[in-house]
Amino acid sequence: METEEQCDAAVKVRGDEKARWKTDGFTILQDGTQAFYKSTHKKFALSVFPDMEDMPAHAVLTVKGASYTTQDSGQVDADPEGSGAEVEAVATGVEPGASVKLTASISCTQ
């Protein structure tokens, strides 16, 4: 069963895309054991995922159909139990050379 909890989100995007926002975000807990986080603002959507079996914690920024995904460098910490996430990392796009610098803090009270 999935449950959704309210969070506070502060996000800054620099590089090929630029934005800054403080708004409500949310976490979705799946069966009470695995959480992911989301914050949206205008044309931007940031999703942060905790460590999963074969995949390290990572963040994905979607802007007008373009996606940027963090790689192994930088810091992406996401609590799998839903308390929050922190991102300080470069995310690369599909187009050669496309990248953004993500700084985000998502804090959730349970």
C-alpha atoms as a PDB file:
ATOM      1  CA  MET A   1       0.000   0.000   0.000  1.00  0.00           C
ATOM      2  CA  GLU A   2       1.256   3.471  -0.849  1.00  0.00           C
ATOM      3  CA  THR A   3       0.918   6.460   1.456  1.00  0.00           C
ATOM      4  CA  GLU A   4       1.790  10.081   0.687  1.00  0.00           C
ATOM      5  CA  GLU A   5       3.256  12.458   3.277  1.00  0.00           C
ATOM      6  CA  GLN A   6       3.715  16.237   3.020  1.00  0.00           C
ATOM      7  CA  CYS A   7       7.265  17.642   2.946  1.00  0.00           C
ATOM      8  CA  ASP A   8       8.990  21.027   2.725  1.00  0.00           C
ATOM      9  CA  ALA A   9      11.249  21.392  -0.304  1.00  0.00           C
ATOM     10  CA  ALA A  10      13.928  23.922  -1.236  1.00  0.00           C
ATOM     11  CA  VAL A  11      15.488  23.434  -4.664  1.00  0.00           C
ATOM     12  CA  LYS A  12      18.073  25.333  -6.711  1.00  0.00           C
ATOM     13  CA  VAL A  13      18.909  24.474 -10.335  1.00  0.00           C
ATOM     14  CA  ARG A  14      21.890  26.027 -12.155  1.00  0.00           C
ATOM     15  CA  GLY A  15      23.514  25.361 -15.513  1.00  0.00           C
ATOM     16  CA  ASP A  16      21.597  24.618 -18.723  1.00  0.00           C
ATOM     17  CA  GLU A  17      18.338  25.151 -16.809  1.00  0.00           C
ATOM     18  CA  LYS A  18      17.847  27.688 -14.024  1.00  0.00           C
ATOM     19  CA  ALA A  19      15.281  27.809 -11.230  1.00  0.00           C
ATOM     20  CA  ARG A  20      14.895  28.229  -7.499  1.00  0.00           C
ATOM     21  CA  TRP A  21      11.882  27.343  -5.395  1.00  0.00           C
ATOM     22  CA  LYS A  22      10.648  26.690  -1.881  1.00  0.00           C
ATOM     23  CA  THR A  23       7.371  24.856  -1.815  1.00  0.00           C
ATOM     24  CA  ASP A  24       5.563  21.808  -0.571  1.00  0.00           C
ATOM     25  CA  GLY A  25       6.897  18.510  -1.776  1.00  0.00           C
ATOM     26  CA  PHE A  26       5.913  15.020  -0.827  1.00  0.00           C
ATOM     27  CA  THR A  27       7.216  11.562  -0.151  1.00  0.00           C
ATOM     28  CA  ILE A  28       5.496   8.393  -1.207  1.00  0.00           C
ATOM     29  CA  LEU A  29       6.057   5.396   1.033  1.00  0.00           C
ATOM     30  CA  GLN A  30       5.562   2.037  -0.628  1.00  0.00           C
ATOM     31  CA  ASP A  31       4.449  -0.613   1.870  1.00  0.00           C
ATOM     32  CA  GLY A  32       6.060   1.480   4.611  1.00  0.00           C
ATOM     33  CA  THR A  33       9.526   0.305   3.567  1.00  0.00           C
ATOM     34  CA  GLN A  34      10.686   2.325   0.562  1.00  0.00           C
ATOM     35  CA  ALA A  35      10.204   6.052   0.022  1.00  0.00           C
ATOM     36  CA  PHE A  36      10.850   8.417  -2.829  1.00  0.00           C
ATOM     37  CA  TYR A  37      10.535  12.197  -2.887  1.00  0.00           C
ATOM     38  CA  LYS A  38       9.094  14.700  -5.348  1.00  0.00           C
ATOM     39  CA  SER A  39       8.894  18.465  -5.675  1.00  0.00           C
ATOM     40  CA  THR A  40       7.430  20.404  -8.591  1.00  0.00           C
ATOM     41  CA  HIS A  41       7.493  24.051  -9.619  1.00  0.00           C
ATOM     42  CA  LYS A  42       6.136  25.425 -12.888  1.00  0.00           C
ATOM     43  CA  LYS A  43       7.809  23.371 -15.656  1.00  0.00           C
ATOM     44  CA  PHE A  44      10.255  21.608 -13.266  1.00  0.00           C
ATOM     45  CA  ALA A  45       9.834  18.257 -11.485  1.00  0.00           C
ATOM     46  CA  LEU A  46      12.505  16.846  -9.170  1.00  0.00           C
ATOM     47  CA  SER A  47      12.360  13.225  -7.996  1.00  0.00           C
ATOM     48  CA  VAL A  48      14.844  11.761  -5.490  1.00  0.00           C
ATOM     49  CA  PHE A  49      15.243   8.033  -4.945  1.00  0.00           C
ATOM     50  CA  PRO A  50      17.071   6.222  -2.093  1.00  0.00           C
ATOM     51  CA  ASP A  51      19.533   3.370  -2.560  1.00  0.00           C
ATOM     52  CA  MET A  52      17.840   0.405  -4.177  1.00  0.00           C
ATOM     53  CA  GLU A  53      19.148  -3.082  -4.831  1.00  0.00           C
ATOM     54  CA  ASP A  54      21.549  -2.391  -7.724  1.00  0.00           C
ATOM     55  CA  MET A  55      21.148   1.374  -7.969  1.00  0.00           C
ATOM     56  CA  PRO A  56      22.654   4.056  -5.725  1.00  0.00           C
ATOM     57  CA  ALA A  57      20.577   6.987  -4.483  1.00  0.00           C
ATOM     58  CA  HIS A  58      19.934   9.374  -7.367  1.00  0.00           C
ATOM     59  CA  ALA A  59      17.885  12.378  -8.455  1.00  0.00           C
ATOM     60  CA  VAL A  60      16.087  13.085 -11.726  1.00  0.00           C
ATOM     61  CA  LEU A  61      15.088  16.574 -12.891  1.00  0.00           C
ATOM     62  CA  THR A  62      12.522  16.813 -15.679  1.00  0.00           C
ATOM     63  CA  VAL A  63      12.050  20.102 -17.547  1.00  0.00           C
ATOM     64  CA  LYS A  64       9.749  20.442 -20.567  1.00  0.00           C
ATOM     65  CA  GLY A  65      10.320  16.824 -21.602  1.00  0.00           C
ATOM     66  CA  ALA A  66      14.100  16.853 -21.034  1.00  0.00           C
ATOM     67  CA  SER A  67      15.525  14.736 -18.196  1.00  0.00           C
ATOM     68  CA  TYR A  68      18.712  15.182 -16.199  1.00  0.00           C
ATOM     69  CA  THR A  69      19.964  12.373 -13.934  1.00  0.00           C
ATOM     70  CA  THR A  70      22.640  12.515 -11.238  1.00  0.00           C
ATOM     71  CA  GLN A  71      25.645  10.268 -11.694  1.00  0.00           C
ATOM     72  CA  ASP A  72      27.953   8.690  -9.104  1.00  0.00           C
ATOM     73  CA  SER A  73      29.726  11.963  -8.306  1.00  0.00           C
ATOM     74  CA  GLY A  74      28.177  14.440  -5.907  1.00  0.00           C
ATOM     75  CA  GLN A  75      25.951  13.768  -2.932  1.00  0.00           C
ATOM     76  CA  VAL A  76      22.470  12.283  -3.008  1.00  0.00           C
ATOM     77  CA  ASP A  77      21.142  11.111   0.359  1.00  0.00           C
ATOM     78  CA  ALA A  78      17.560   9.915   0.627  1.00  0.00           C
ATOM     79  CA  ASP A  79      16.092   8.245   3.701  1.00  0.00           C
ATOM     80  CA  PRO A  80      14.254   5.078   2.612  1.00  0.00           C
ATOM     81  CA  GLU A  81      11.876   5.508   5.565  1.00  0.00           C
ATOM     82  CA  GLY A  82      10.557   8.889   4.429  1.00  0.00           C
ATOM     83  CA  SER A  83      12.167  11.553   6.657  1.00  0.00           C
ATOM     84  CA  GLY A  84      13.815  13.478   3.829  1.00  0.00           C
ATOM     85  CA  ALA A  85      16.467  13.852   1.163  1.00  0.00           C
ATOM     86  CA  GLU A  86      19.476  16.046   0.383  1.00  0.00           C
ATOM     87  CA  VAL A  87      21.018  16.585  -3.060  1.00  0.00           C
ATOM     88  CA  GLU A  88      24.228  18.397  -4.010  1.00  0.00           C
ATOM     89  CA  ALA A  89      25.214  16.971  -7.386  1.00  0.00           C
ATOM     90  CA  VAL A  90      25.575  17.509 -11.118  1.00  0.00           C
ATOM     91  CA  ALA A  91      22.916  15.848 -13.264  1.00  0.00           C
ATOM     92  CA  THR A  92      23.552  15.129 -16.919  1.00  0.00           C
ATOM     93  CA  GLY A  93      21.050  15.211 -19.746  1.00  0.00           C
ATOM     94  CA  VAL A  94      20.645  13.006 -22.800  1.00  0.00           C
ATOM     95  CA  GLU A  95      22.066  15.649 -25.141  1.00  0.00           C
ATOM     96  CA  PRO A  96      25.907  15.648 -25.211  1.00  0.00           C
ATOM     97  CA  GLY A  97      27.272  18.199 -22.748  1.00  0.00           C
ATOM     98  CA  ALA A  98      23.874  19.020 -21.209  1.00  0.00           C
ATOM     99  CA  SER A  99      24.021  19.321 -17.422  1.00  0.00           C
ATOM    100  CA  VAL A 100      22.578  21.059 -14.389  1.00  0.00           C
ATOM    101  CA  LYS A 101      23.814  21.520 -10.835  1.00  0.00           C
ATOM    102  CA  LEU A 102      21.144  20.443  -8.328  1.00  0.00           C
ATOM    103  CA  THR A 103      20.976  21.596  -4.735  1.00  0.00           C
ATOM    104  CA  ALA A 104      17.913  20.365  -2.875  1.00  0.00           C
ATOM    105  CA  SER A 105      16.667  19.757   0.631  1.00  0.00           C
ATOM    106  CA  ILE A 106      13.410  17.908   1.225  1.00  0.00           C
ATOM    107  CA  SER A 107      12.304  17.584   4.842  1.00  0.00           C
ATOM    108  CA  CYS A 108       9.311  15.496   5.878  1.00  0.00           C
ATOM    109  CA  THR A 109       7.668  15.153   9.271  1.00  0.00           C
ATOM    110  CA  GLN A 110       6.095  11.811  10.065  1.00  0.00           C
END
